[in-house]
Amino acid sequence: MAEAQTTRRYDLEERTFKFAQRVIGFVNKLPKSLTNMEMGRQLVKAAGSVGANYIEANESLSRKDFVMRIKICRKEAKESCYWLRLVNCNKELGKEQASLIQESSELMKIFGAILQKSI
């Protein structure tokens, strides 16, 4: 049982890492404009923070610290979704934008479920 939880934890670490990588690739392909540059910067920060805080949660020293980090993961996934919806992309990037919005929504739900089980 403990091995299954460890595997799932690292699968989520990998999933959040891949999400951040995909966001970086997406932002690099966005049309260059002042607003996209600023929103892209915010998006990359939020997307990277999801995984970074999940790693911190896995290394937490207390249940309270774990819960706080998971709340931050959920918040950053939600913020990522917000910035993804705001960026102005061309039609070629529209499918990737929708896919990333879907992934950020799924991550929000996953972290919400973890939070519910942890409280």
PDB file of N, CA and C in Angstrom:
ATOM      1  N   MET A   1       0.830  -1.204   0.000  1.00  0.00           N
ATOM      2  CA  MET A   1       0.000   0.000   0.000  1.00  0.00           C
ATOM      3  C   MET A   1       0.873   1.266   0.000  1.00  0.00           C
ATOM      4  N   ALA A   2       1.871   1.303   0.866  1.00  0.00           N
ATOM      5  CA  ALA A   2       2.737   2.481   0.925  1.00  0.00           C
ATOM      6  C   ALA A   2       3.465   2.680  -0.394  1.00  0.00           C
ATOM      7  N   GLU A   3       3.823   1.588  -1.063  1.00  0.00           N
ATOM      8  CA  GLU A   3       4.501   1.694  -2.350  1.00  0.00           C
ATOM      9  C   GLU A   3       3.590   2.329  -3.396  1.00  0.00           C
ATOM     10  N   ALA A   4       2.304   1.987  -3.384  1.00  0.00           N
ATOM     11  CA  ALA A   4       1.347   2.569  -4.332  1.00  0.00           C
ATOM     12  C   ALA A   4       1.224   4.073  -4.104  1.00  0.00           C
ATOM     13  N   GLN A   5       1.194   4.499  -2.840  1.00  0.00           N
ATOM     14  CA  GLN A   5       1.111   5.928  -2.553  1.00  0.00           C
ATOM     15  C   GLN A   5       2.374   6.644  -3.018  1.00  0.00           C
ATOM     16  N   THR A   6       3.527   6.036  -2.795  1.00  0.00           N
ATOM     17  CA  THR A   6       4.785   6.638  -3.237  1.00  0.00           C
ATOM     18  C   THR A   6       4.792   6.790  -4.755  1.00  0.00           C
ATOM     19  N   THR A   7       4.343   5.758  -5.470  1.00  0.00           N
ATOM     20  CA  THR A   7       4.300   5.807  -6.932  1.00  0.00           C
ATOM     21  C   THR A   7       3.375   6.919  -7.392  1.00  0.00           C
ATOM     22  N   ARG A   8       2.208   7.013  -6.789  1.00  0.00           N
ATOM     23  CA  ARG A   8       1.269   8.070  -7.169  1.00  0.00           C
ATOM     24  C   ARG A   8       1.854   9.446  -6.887  1.00  0.00           C
ATOM     25  N   ARG A   9       2.511   9.603  -5.740  1.00  0.00           N
ATOM     26  CA  ARG A   9       3.088  10.893  -5.391  1.00  0.00           C
ATOM     27  C   ARG A   9       4.093  11.309  -6.458  1.00  0.00           C
ATOM     28  N   TYR A  10       4.968  10.398  -6.848  1.00  0.00           N
ATOM     29  CA  TYR A  10       5.964  10.745  -7.846  1.00  0.00           C
ATOM     30  C   TYR A  10       5.346  10.896  -9.231  1.00  0.00           C
ATOM     31  N   ASP A  11       4.284  10.174  -9.521  1.00  0.00           N
ATOM     32  CA  ASP A  11       3.582  10.394 -10.786  1.00  0.00           C
ATOM     33  C   ASP A  11       3.050  11.821 -10.843  1.00  0.00           C
ATOM     34  N   LEU A  12       2.514  12.318  -9.731  1.00  0.00           N
ATOM     35  CA  LEU A  12       2.001  13.687  -9.693  1.00  0.00           C
ATOM     36  C   LEU A  12       3.148  14.694  -9.766  1.00  0.00           C
ATOM     37  N   GLU A  13       4.280  14.364  -9.172  1.00  0.00           N
ATOM     38  CA  GLU A  13       5.447  15.242  -9.325  1.00  0.00           C
ATOM     39  C   GLU A  13       5.836  15.338 -10.795  1.00  0.00           C
ATOM     40  N   GLU A  14       5.843  14.203 -11.482  1.00  0.00           N
ATOM     41  CA  GLU A  14       6.197  14.186 -12.900  1.00  0.00           C
ATOM     42  C   GLU A  14       5.133  14.923 -13.720  1.00  0.00           C
ATOM     43  N   ARG A  15       3.879  14.723 -13.380  1.00  0.00           N
ATOM     44  CA  ARG A  15       2.793  15.385 -14.112  1.00  0.00           C
ATOM     45  C   ARG A  15       2.879  16.897 -13.973  1.00  0.00           C
ATOM     46  N   THR A  16       3.146  17.381 -12.775  1.00  0.00           N
ATOM     47  CA  THR A  16       3.251  18.836 -12.583  1.00  0.00           C
ATOM     48  C   THR A  16       4.495  19.379 -13.283  1.00  0.00           C
ATOM     49  N   PHE A  17       5.566  18.585 -13.320  1.00  0.00           N
ATOM     50  CA  PHE A  17       6.777  18.984 -14.037  1.00  0.00           C
ATOM     51  C   PHE A  17       6.491  19.114 -15.532  1.00  0.00           C
ATOM     52  N   LYS A  18       5.815  18.124 -16.091  1.00  0.00           N
ATOM     53  CA  LYS A  18       5.478  18.154 -17.518  1.00  0.00           C
ATOM     54  C   LYS A  18       4.525  19.303 -17.837  1.00  0.00           C
ATOM     55  N   PHE A  19       3.614  19.599 -16.925  1.00  0.00           N
ATOM     56  CA  PHE A  19       2.712  20.737 -17.109  1.00  0.00           C
ATOM     57  C   PHE A  19       3.523  22.022 -17.223  1.00  0.00           C
ATOM     58  N   ALA A  20       4.470  22.210 -16.319  1.00  0.00           N
ATOM     59  CA  ALA A  20       5.309  23.415 -16.357  1.00  0.00           C
ATOM     60  C   ALA A  20       6.119  23.467 -17.657  1.00  0.00           C
ATOM     61  N   GLN A  21       6.662  22.330 -18.077  1.00  0.00           N
ATOM     62  CA  GLN A  21       7.417  22.289 -19.334  1.00  0.00           C
ATOM     63  C   GLN A  21       6.530  22.670 -20.522  1.00  0.00           C
ATOM     64  N   ARG A  22       5.337  22.121 -20.563  1.00  0.00           N
ATOM     65  CA  ARG A  22       4.407  22.428 -21.662  1.00  0.00           C
ATOM     66  C   ARG A  22       4.050  23.905 -21.667  1.00  0.00           C
ATOM     67  N   VAL A  23       3.840  24.480 -20.485  1.00  0.00           N
ATOM     68  CA  VAL A  23       3.514  25.905 -20.395  1.00  0.00           C
ATOM     69  C   VAL A  23       4.676  26.740 -20.925  1.00  0.00           C
ATOM     70  N   ILE A  24       5.893  26.387 -20.568  1.00  0.00           N
ATOM     71  CA  ILE A  24       7.061  27.126 -21.050  1.00  0.00           C
ATOM     72  C   ILE A  24       7.131  27.074 -22.572  1.00  0.00           C
ATOM     73  N   GLY A  25       6.928  25.895 -23.136  1.00  0.00           N
ATOM     74  CA  GLY A  25       6.929  25.761 -24.594  1.00  0.00           C
ATOM     75  C   GLY A  25       5.826  26.578 -25.243  1.00  0.00           C
ATOM     76  N   PHE A  26       4.645  26.564 -24.628  1.00  0.00           N
ATOM     77  CA  PHE A  26       3.510  27.333 -25.129  1.00  0.00           C
ATOM     78  C   PHE A  26       3.818  28.829 -25.106  1.00  0.00           C
ATOM     79  N   VAL A  27       4.335  29.315 -23.992  1.00  0.00           N
ATOM     80  CA  VAL A  27       4.644  30.745 -23.855  1.00  0.00           C
ATOM     81  C   VAL A  27       5.697  31.162 -24.881  1.00  0.00           C
ATOM     82  N   ASN A  28       6.667  30.306 -25.128  1.00  0.00           N
ATOM     83  CA  ASN A  28       7.711  30.631 -26.108  1.00  0.00           C
ATOM     84  C   ASN A  28       7.168  30.756 -27.532  1.00  0.00           C
ATOM     85  N   LYS A  29       6.032  30.129 -27.806  1.00  0.00           N
ATOM     86  CA  LYS A  29       5.421  30.190 -29.140  1.00  0.00           C
ATOM     87  C   LYS A  29       4.391  31.307 -29.280  1.00  0.00           C
ATOM     88  N   LEU A  30       4.047  31.969 -28.182  1.00  0.00           N
ATOM     89  CA  LEU A  30       3.030  33.028 -28.243  1.00  0.00           C
ATOM     90  C   LEU A  30       3.490  34.187 -29.120  1.00  0.00           C
ATOM     91  N   PRO A  31       2.534  34.845 -29.789  1.00  0.00           N
ATOM     92  CA  PRO A  31       2.886  36.071 -30.527  1.00  0.00           C
ATOM     93  C   PRO A  31       3.513  37.082 -29.568  1.00  0.00           C
ATOM     94  N   LYS A  32       4.578  37.692 -30.003  1.00  0.00           N
ATOM     95  CA  LYS A  32       5.294  38.636 -29.147  1.00  0.00           C
ATOM     96  C   LYS A  32       4.557  39.970 -29.096  1.00  0.00           C
ATOM     97  N   SER A  33       4.014  40.245 -27.925  1.00  0.00           N
ATOM     98  CA  SER A  33       3.384  41.538 -27.663  1.00  0.00           C
ATOM     99  C   SER A  33       3.674  41.884 -26.209  1.00  0.00           C
ATOM    100  N   LEU A  34       3.536  43.138 -25.861  1.00  0.00           N
ATOM    101  CA  LEU A  34       3.807  43.569 -24.499  1.00  0.00           C
ATOM    102  C   LEU A  34       2.915  42.832 -23.504  1.00  0.00           C
ATOM    103  N   THR A  35       1.632  42.715 -23.815  1.00  0.00           N
ATOM    104  CA  THR A  35       0.716  42.042 -22.884  1.00  0.00           C
ATOM    105  C   THR A  35       1.019  40.548 -22.789  1.00  0.00           C
ATOM    106  N   ASN A  36       1.284  39.891 -23.912  1.00  0.00           N
ATOM    107  CA  ASN A  36       1.616  38.465 -23.864  1.00  0.00           C
ATOM    108  C   ASN A  36       2.908  38.220 -23.098  1.00  0.00           C
ATOM    109  N   MET A  37       3.858  39.120 -23.222  1.00  0.00           N
ATOM    110  CA  MET A  37       5.111  38.951 -22.487  1.00  0.00           C
ATOM    111  C   MET A  37       4.859  39.002 -20.990  1.00  0.00           C
ATOM    112  N   GLU A  38       4.053  39.945 -20.553  1.00  0.00           N
ATOM    113  CA  GLU A  38       3.771  40.070 -19.118  1.00  0.00           C
ATOM    114  C   GLU A  38       2.892  38.922 -18.625  1.00  0.00           C
ATOM    115  N   MET A  39       1.851  38.587 -19.373  1.00  0.00           N
ATOM    116  CA  MET A  39       0.994  37.476 -18.963  1.00  0.00           C
ATOM    117  C   MET A  39       1.752  36.150 -19.029  1.00  0.00           C
ATOM    118  N   GLY A  40       2.608  36.010 -20.022  1.00  0.00           N
ATOM    119  CA  GLY A  40       3.419  34.807 -20.139  1.00  0.00           C
ATOM    120  C   GLY A  40       4.356  34.632 -18.952  1.00  0.00           C
ATOM    121  N   ARG A  41       4.923  35.726 -18.511  1.00  0.00           N
ATOM    122  CA  ARG A  41       5.805  35.688 -17.336  1.00  0.00           C
ATOM    123  C   ARG A  41       5.028  35.202 -16.110  1.00  0.00           C
ATOM    124  N   GLN A  42       3.843  35.757 -15.920  1.00  0.00           N
ATOM    125  CA  GLN A  42       2.999  35.351 -14.786  1.00  0.00           C
ATOM    126  C   GLN A  42       2.589  33.883 -14.904  1.00  0.00           C
ATOM    127  N   LEU A  43       2.259  33.466 -16.117  1.00  0.00           N
ATOM    128  CA  LEU A  43       1.840  32.089 -16.369  1.00  0.00           C
ATOM    129  C   LEU A  43       2.964  31.106 -16.062  1.00  0.00           C
ATOM    130  N   VAL A  44       4.169  31.397 -16.508  1.00  0.00           N
ATOM    131  CA  VAL A  44       5.300  30.510 -16.252  1.00  0.00           C
ATOM    132  C   VAL A  44       5.567  30.405 -14.752  1.00  0.00           C
ATOM    133  N   LYS A  45       5.484  31.513 -14.045  1.00  0.00           N
ATOM    134  CA  LYS A  45       5.697  31.497 -12.591  1.00  0.00           C
ATOM    135  C   LYS A  45       4.651  30.624 -11.901  1.00  0.00           C
ATOM    136  N   ALA A  46       3.394  30.812 -12.252  1.00  0.00           N
ATOM    137  CA  ALA A  46       2.315  30.050 -11.607  1.00  0.00           C
ATOM    138  C   ALA A  46       2.426  28.561 -11.926  1.00  0.00           C
ATOM    139  N   ALA A  47       2.665  28.233 -13.195  1.00  0.00           N
ATOM    140  CA  ALA A  47       2.739  26.830 -13.607  1.00  0.00           C
ATOM    141  C   ALA A  47       3.922  26.120 -12.945  1.00  0.00           C
ATOM    142  N   GLY A  48       5.046  26.786 -12.848  1.00  0.00           N
ATOM    143  CA  GLY A  48       6.205  26.195 -12.184  1.00  0.00           C
ATOM    144  C   GLY A  48       6.006  26.036 -10.694  1.00  0.00           C
ATOM    145  N   SER A  49       5.244  26.940 -10.121  1.00  0.00           N
ATOM    146  CA  SER A  49       4.992  26.912  -8.688  1.00  0.00           C
ATOM    147  C   SER A  49       4.120  25.730  -8.268  1.00  0.00           C
ATOM    148  N   VAL A  50       3.273  25.245  -9.168  1.00  0.00           N
ATOM    149  CA  VAL A  50       2.428  24.095  -8.842  1.00  0.00           C
ATOM    150  C   VAL A  50       3.308  22.919  -8.427  1.00  0.00           C
ATOM    151  N   GLY A  51       4.234  22.540  -9.284  1.00  0.00           N
ATOM    152  CA  GLY A  51       5.103  21.406  -9.005  1.00  0.00           C
ATOM    153  C   GLY A  51       6.083  21.665  -7.874  1.00  0.00           C
ATOM    154  N   ALA A  52       6.626  22.865  -7.823  1.00  0.00           N
ATOM    155  CA  ALA A  52       7.588  23.192  -6.764  1.00  0.00           C
ATOM    156  C   ALA A  52       6.936  23.071  -5.392  1.00  0.00           C
ATOM    157  N   ASN A  53       5.722  23.549  -5.273  1.00  0.00           N
ATOM    158  CA  ASN A  53       5.034  23.456  -3.986  1.00  0.00           C
ATOM    159  C   ASN A  53       4.593  22.035  -3.673  1.00  0.00           C
ATOM    160  N   TYR A  54       4.323  21.238  -4.699  1.00  0.00           N
ATOM    161  CA  TYR A  54       3.982  19.840  -4.454  1.00  0.00           C
ATOM    162  C   TYR A  54       5.203  19.088  -3.907  1.00  0.00           C
ATOM    163  N   ILE A  55       6.370  19.373  -4.451  1.00  0.00           N
ATOM    164  CA  ILE A  55       7.595  18.770  -3.922  1.00  0.00           C
ATOM    165  C   ILE A  55       7.785  19.195  -2.465  1.00  0.00           C
ATOM    166  N   GLU A  56       7.561  20.467  -2.185  1.00  0.00           N
ATOM    167  CA  GLU A  56       7.659  20.958  -0.806  1.00  0.00           C
ATOM    168  C   GLU A  56       6.647  20.254   0.101  1.00  0.00           C
ATOM    169  N   ALA A  57       5.438  20.027  -0.398  1.00  0.00           N
ATOM    170  CA  ALA A  57       4.413  19.330   0.391  1.00  0.00           C
ATOM    171  C   ALA A  57       4.881  17.923   0.738  1.00  0.00           C
ATOM    172  N   ASN A  58       5.503  17.246  -0.217  1.00  0.00           N
ATOM    173  CA  ASN A  58       5.987  15.885   0.028  1.00  0.00           C
ATOM    174  C   ASN A  58       7.113  15.849   1.052  1.00  0.00           C
ATOM    175  N   GLU A  59       7.778  16.956   1.248  1.00  0.00           N
ATOM    176  CA  GLU A  59       8.871  17.034   2.220  1.00  0.00           C
ATOM    177  C   GLU A  59       8.452  17.784   3.492  1.00  0.00           C
ATOM    178  N   SER A  60       7.173  18.014   3.643  1.00  0.00           N
ATOM    179  CA  SER A  60       6.693  18.811   4.778  1.00  0.00           C
ATOM    180  C   SER A  60       7.021  18.149   6.111  1.00  0.00           C
ATOM    181  N   LEU A  61       7.168  18.980   7.118  1.00  0.00           N
ATOM    182  CA  LEU A  61       7.528  18.502   8.453  1.00  0.00           C
ATOM    183  C   LEU A  61       6.313  18.254   9.333  1.00  0.00           C
ATOM    184  N   SER A  62       5.159  18.747   8.901  1.00  0.00           N
ATOM    185  CA  SER A  62       3.946  18.566   9.701  1.00  0.00           C
ATOM    186  C   SER A  62       2.730  18.483   8.779  1.00  0.00           C
ATOM    187  N   ARG A  63       1.637  18.004   9.319  1.00  0.00           N
ATOM    188  CA  ARG A  63       0.384  17.918   8.567  1.00  0.00           C
ATOM    189  C   ARG A  63      -0.079  19.323   8.177  1.00  0.00           C
ATOM    190  N   LYS A  64       0.072  20.271   9.085  1.00  0.00           N
ATOM    191  CA  LYS A  64      -0.332  21.663   8.809  1.00  0.00           C
ATOM    192  C   LYS A  64       0.455  22.236   7.629  1.00  0.00           C
ATOM    193  N   ASP A  65       1.761  21.985   7.597  1.00  0.00           N
ATOM    194  CA  ASP A  65       2.608  22.445   6.499  1.00  0.00           C
ATOM    195  C   ASP A  65       2.197  21.773   5.194  1.00  0.00           C
ATOM    196  N   PHE A  66       1.910  20.464   5.240  1.00  0.00           N
ATOM    197  CA  PHE A  66       1.468  19.732   4.062  1.00  0.00           C
ATOM    198  C   PHE A  66       0.192  20.346   3.494  1.00  0.00           C
ATOM    199  N   VAL A  67      -0.785  20.583   4.356  1.00  0.00           N
ATOM    200  CA  VAL A  67      -2.065  21.147   3.926  1.00  0.00           C
ATOM    201  C   VAL A  67      -1.864  22.524   3.307  1.00  0.00           C
ATOM    202  N   MET A  68      -1.023  23.347   3.928  1.00  0.00           N
ATOM    203  CA  MET A  68      -0.774  24.683   3.391  1.00  0.00           C
ATOM    204  C   MET A  68      -0.157  24.604   1.992  1.00  0.00           C
ATOM    205  N   ARG A  69       0.810  23.714   1.795  1.00  0.00           N
ATOM    206  CA  ARG A  69       1.466  23.572   0.488  1.00  0.00           C
ATOM    207  C   ARG A  69       0.493  23.058  -0.570  1.00  0.00           C
ATOM    208  N   ILE A  70      -0.367  22.135  -0.195  1.00  0.00           N
ATOM    209  CA  ILE A  70      -1.361  21.619  -1.138  1.00  0.00           C
ATOM    210  C   ILE A  70      -2.344  22.728  -1.514  1.00  0.00           C
ATOM    211  N   LYS A  71      -2.708  23.562  -0.564  1.00  0.00           N
ATOM    212  CA  LYS A  71      -3.573  24.717  -0.869  1.00  0.00           C
ATOM    213  C   LYS A  71      -2.887  25.641  -1.870  1.00  0.00           C
ATOM    214  N   ILE A  72      -1.580  25.834  -1.697  1.00  0.00           N
ATOM    215  CA  ILE A  72      -0.832  26.686  -2.627  1.00  0.00           C
ATOM    216  C   ILE A  72      -0.794  26.036  -4.008  1.00  0.00           C
ATOM    217  N   CYS A  73      -0.607  24.719  -4.060  1.00  0.00           N
ATOM    218  CA  CYS A  73      -0.627  24.008  -5.350  1.00  0.00           C
ATOM    219  C   CYS A  73      -1.946  24.264  -6.074  1.00  0.00           C
ATOM    220  N   ARG A  74      -3.039  24.116  -5.346  1.00  0.00           N
ATOM    221  CA  ARG A  74      -4.364  24.326  -5.940  1.00  0.00           C
ATOM    222  C   ARG A  74      -4.521  25.769  -6.408  1.00  0.00           C
ATOM    223  N   LYS A  75      -4.070  26.702  -5.590  1.00  0.00           N
ATOM    224  CA  LYS A  75      -4.167  28.118  -5.937  1.00  0.00           C
ATOM    225  C   LYS A  75      -3.349  28.446  -7.182  1.00  0.00           C
ATOM    226  N   GLU A  76      -2.147  27.912  -7.279  1.00  0.00           N
ATOM    227  CA  GLU A  76      -1.284  28.178  -8.431  1.00  0.00           C
ATOM    228  C   GLU A  76      -1.829  27.517  -9.698  1.00  0.00           C
ATOM    229  N   ALA A  77      -2.439  26.346  -9.574  1.00  0.00           N
ATOM    230  CA  ALA A  77      -3.075  25.711 -10.732  1.00  0.00           C
ATOM    231  C   ALA A  77      -4.247  26.564 -11.218  1.00  0.00           C
ATOM    232  N   LYS A  78      -4.993  27.110 -10.272  1.00  0.00           N
ATOM    233  CA  LYS A  78      -6.114  27.985 -10.618  1.00  0.00           C
ATOM    234  C   LYS A  78      -5.608  29.257 -11.284  1.00  0.00           C
ATOM    235  N   GLU A  79      -4.525  29.817 -10.767  1.00  0.00           N
ATOM    236  CA  GLU A  79      -3.940  31.020 -11.356  1.00  0.00           C
ATOM    237  C   GLU A  79      -3.408  30.728 -12.760  1.00  0.00           C
ATOM    238  N   SER A  80      -2.811  29.559 -12.945  1.00  0.00           N
ATOM    239  CA  SER A  80      -2.325  29.161 -14.272  1.00  0.00           C
ATOM    240  C   SER A  80      -3.466  29.153 -15.274  1.00  0.00           C
ATOM    241  N   CYS A  81      -4.591  28.603 -14.850  1.00  0.00           N
ATOM    242  CA  CYS A  81      -5.775  28.553 -15.710  1.00  0.00           C
ATOM    243  C   CYS A  81      -6.214  29.971 -16.090  1.00  0.00           C
ATOM    244  N   TYR A  82      -6.193  30.858 -15.141  1.00  0.00           N
ATOM    245  CA  TYR A  82      -6.575  32.258 -15.372  1.00  0.00           C
ATOM    246  C   TYR A  82      -5.685  32.895 -16.445  1.00  0.00           C
ATOM    247  N   TRP A  83      -4.360  32.770 -16.280  1.00  0.00           N
ATOM    248  CA  TRP A  83      -3.429  33.369 -17.242  1.00  0.00           C
ATOM    249  C   TRP A  83      -3.537  32.699 -18.600  1.00  0.00           C
ATOM    250  N   LEU A  84      -3.761  31.391 -18.615  1.00  0.00           N
ATOM    251  CA  LEU A  84      -3.941  30.688 -19.886  1.00  0.00           C
ATOM    252  C   LEU A  84      -5.152  31.215 -20.640  1.00  0.00           C
ATOM    253  N   ARG A  85      -6.205  31.528 -19.928  1.00  0.00           N
ATOM    254  CA  ARG A  85      -7.405  32.047 -20.576  1.00  0.00           C
ATOM    255  C   ARG A  85      -7.189  33.467 -21.094  1.00  0.00           C
ATOM    256  N   LEU A  86      -6.299  34.212 -20.451  1.00  0.00           N
ATOM    257  CA  LEU A  86      -6.090  35.619 -20.819  1.00  0.00           C
ATOM    258  C   LEU A  86      -5.143  35.839 -21.990  1.00  0.00           C
ATOM    259  N   VAL A  87      -4.158  34.956 -22.158  1.00  0.00           N
ATOM    260  CA  VAL A  87      -3.173  35.205 -23.216  1.00  0.00           C
ATOM    261  C   VAL A  87      -3.839  35.217 -24.583  1.00  0.00           C
ATOM    262  N   ASN A  88      -3.270  36.018 -25.448  1.00  0.00           N
ATOM    263  CA  ASN A  88      -3.780  36.149 -26.803  1.00  0.00           C
ATOM    264  C   ASN A  88      -2.926  35.276 -27.710  1.00  0.00           C
ATOM    265  N   CYS A  89      -3.508  34.154 -28.157  1.00  0.00           N
ATOM    266  CA  CYS A  89      -2.722  33.268 -29.017  1.00  0.00           C
ATOM    267  C   CYS A  89      -3.388  33.142 -30.382  1.00  0.00           C
ATOM    268  N   ASN A  90      -2.606  32.694 -31.337  1.00  0.00           N
ATOM    269  CA  ASN A  90      -3.133  32.500 -32.686  1.00  0.00           C
ATOM    270  C   ASN A  90      -3.877  31.162 -32.757  1.00  0.00           C
ATOM    271  N   LYS A  91      -4.523  30.910 -33.893  1.00  0.00           N
ATOM    272  CA  LYS A  91      -5.337  29.698 -34.038  1.00  0.00           C
ATOM    273  C   LYS A  91      -4.510  28.423 -33.911  1.00  0.00           C
ATOM    274  N   GLU A  92      -3.262  28.451 -34.367  1.00  0.00           N
ATOM    275  CA  GLU A  92      -2.421  27.258 -34.269  1.00  0.00           C
ATOM    276  C   GLU A  92      -2.187  26.843 -32.821  1.00  0.00           C
ATOM    277  N   LEU A  93      -2.146  27.812 -31.919  1.00  0.00           N
ATOM    278  CA  LEU A  93      -1.895  27.519 -30.509  1.00  0.00           C
ATOM    279  C   LEU A  93      -3.178  27.291 -29.711  1.00  0.00           C
ATOM    280  N   GLY A  94      -4.316  27.482 -30.341  1.00  0.00           N
ATOM    281  CA  GLY A  94      -5.597  27.359 -29.645  1.00  0.00           C
ATOM    282  C   GLY A  94      -5.833  25.993 -29.021  1.00  0.00           C
ATOM    283  N   LYS A  95      -5.436  24.927 -29.740  1.00  0.00           N
ATOM    284  CA  LYS A  95      -5.625  23.578 -29.203  1.00  0.00           C
ATOM    285  C   LYS A  95      -4.725  23.342 -27.991  1.00  0.00           C
ATOM    286  N   GLU A  96      -3.477  23.813 -28.084  1.00  0.00           N
ATOM    287  CA  GLU A  96      -2.561  23.663 -26.952  1.00  0.00           C
ATOM    288  C   GLU A  96      -3.055  24.477 -25.757  1.00  0.00           C
ATOM    289  N   GLN A  97      -3.576  25.668 -26.019  1.00  0.00           N
ATOM    290  CA  GLN A  97      -4.129  26.503 -24.950  1.00  0.00           C
ATOM    291  C   GLN A  97      -5.274  25.762 -24.262  1.00  0.00           C
ATOM    292  N   ALA A  98      -6.192  25.199 -25.033  1.00  0.00           N
ATOM    293  CA  ALA A  98      -7.329  24.465 -24.463  1.00  0.00           C
ATOM    294  C   ALA A  98      -6.855  23.247 -23.668  1.00  0.00           C
ATOM    295  N   SER A  99      -5.855  22.550 -24.190  1.00  0.00           N
ATOM    296  CA  SER A  99      -5.318  21.379 -23.504  1.00  0.00           C
ATOM    297  C   SER A  99      -4.669  21.762 -22.169  1.00  0.00           C
ATOM    298  N   LEU A 100      -3.946  22.871 -22.167  1.00  0.00           N
ATOM    299  CA  LEU A 100      -3.311  23.335 -20.933  1.00  0.00           C
ATOM    300  C   LEU A 100      -4.345  23.831 -19.924  1.00  0.00           C
ATOM    301  N   ILE A 101      -5.391  24.465 -20.403  1.00  0.00           N
ATOM    302  CA  ILE A 101      -6.474  24.884 -19.508  1.00  0.00           C
ATOM    303  C   ILE A 101      -7.114  23.643 -18.873  1.00  0.00           C
ATOM    304  N   GLN A 102      -7.332  22.613 -19.682  1.00  0.00           N
ATOM    305  CA  GLN A 102      -7.896  21.359 -19.171  1.00  0.00           C
ATOM    306  C   GLN A 102      -6.975  20.745 -18.114  1.00  0.00           C
ATOM    307  N   GLU A 103      -5.680  20.718 -18.393  1.00  0.00           N
ATOM    308  CA  GLU A 103      -4.726  20.140 -17.449  1.00  0.00           C
ATOM    309  C   GLU A 103      -4.688  20.933 -16.144  1.00  0.00           C
ATOM    310  N   SER A 104      -4.699  22.260 -16.237  1.00  0.00           N
ATOM    311  CA  SER A 104      -4.681  23.059 -15.006  1.00  0.00           C
ATOM    312  C   SER A 104      -5.962  22.836 -14.204  1.00  0.00           C
ATOM    313  N   SER A 105      -7.086  22.661 -14.882  1.00  0.00           N
ATOM    314  CA  SER A 105      -8.351  22.372 -14.190  1.00  0.00           C
ATOM    315  C   SER A 105      -8.297  21.006 -13.499  1.00  0.00           C
ATOM    316  N   GLU A 106      -7.725  20.022 -14.182  1.00  0.00           N
ATOM    317  CA  GLU A 106      -7.588  18.690 -13.575  1.00  0.00           C
ATOM    318  C   GLU A 106      -6.661  18.737 -12.365  1.00  0.00           C
ATOM    319  N   LEU A 107      -5.571  19.479 -12.476  1.00  0.00           N
ATOM    320  CA  LEU A 107      -4.664  19.610 -11.336  1.00  0.00           C
ATOM    321  C   LEU A 107      -5.360  20.287 -10.157  1.00  0.00           C
ATOM    322  N   MET A 108      -6.176  21.296 -10.431  1.00  0.00           N
ATOM    323  CA  MET A 108      -6.943  21.942  -9.355  1.00  0.00           C
ATOM    324  C   MET A 108      -7.821  20.921  -8.640  1.00  0.00           C
ATOM    325  N   LYS A 109      -8.494  20.075  -9.402  1.00  0.00           N
ATOM    326  CA  LYS A 109      -9.375  19.056  -8.822  1.00  0.00           C
ATOM    327  C   LYS A 109      -8.585  18.023  -8.028  1.00  0.00           C
ATOM    328  N   ILE A 110      -7.444  17.618  -8.554  1.00  0.00           N
ATOM    329  CA  ILE A 110      -6.605  16.640  -7.846  1.00  0.00           C
ATOM    330  C   ILE A 110      -6.148  17.204  -6.505  1.00  0.00           C
ATOM    331  N   PHE A 111      -5.646  18.429  -6.523  1.00  0.00           N
ATOM    332  CA  PHE A 111      -5.172  19.022  -5.272  1.00  0.00           C
ATOM    333  C   PHE A 111      -6.334  19.312  -4.325  1.00  0.00           C
ATOM    334  N   GLY A 112      -7.478  19.632  -4.864  1.00  0.00           N
ATOM    335  CA  GLY A 112      -8.670  19.795  -4.015  1.00  0.00           C
ATOM    336  C   GLY A 112      -9.053  18.494  -3.339  1.00  0.00           C
ATOM    337  N   ALA A 113      -8.959  17.377  -4.062  1.00  0.00           N
ATOM    338  CA  ALA A 113      -9.269  16.063  -3.482  1.00  0.00           C
ATOM    339  C   ALA A 113      -8.245  15.685  -2.420  1.00  0.00           C
ATOM    340  N   ILE A 114      -6.968  15.955  -2.675  1.00  0.00           N
ATOM    341  CA  ILE A 114      -5.927  15.682  -1.690  1.00  0.00           C
ATOM    342  C   ILE A 114      -6.195  16.497  -0.423  1.00  0.00           C
ATOM    343  N   LEU A 115      -6.575  17.741  -0.639  1.00  0.00           N
ATOM    344  CA  LEU A 115      -6.874  18.626   0.487  1.00  0.00           C
ATOM    345  C   LEU A 115      -8.038  18.099   1.311  1.00  0.00           C
ATOM    346  N   GLN A 116      -9.094  17.687   0.647  1.00  0.00           N
ATOM    347  CA  GLN A 116     -10.263  17.152   1.356  1.00  0.00           C
ATOM    348  C   GLN A 116      -9.898  15.932   2.187  1.00  0.00           C
ATOM    349  N   LYS A 117      -9.052  15.074   1.661  1.00  0.00           N
ATOM    350  CA  LYS A 117      -8.647  13.863   2.380  1.00  0.00           C
ATOM    351  C   LYS A 117      -7.672  14.160   3.514  1.00  0.00           C
ATOM    352  N   SER A 118      -7.029  15.320   3.443  1.00  0.00           N
ATOM    353  CA  SER A 118      -5.999  15.653   4.422  1.00  0.00           C
ATOM    354  C   SER A 118      -6.522  16.456   5.611  1.00  0.00           C
ATOM    355  N   ILE A 119      -7.714  16.980   5.477  1.00  0.00           N
ATOM    356  CA  ILE A 119      -8.252  17.842   6.541  1.00  0.00           C
ATOM    357  C   ILE A 119      -8.980  17.026   7.580  1.00  0.00           C
TER     358      ILE A 119
END
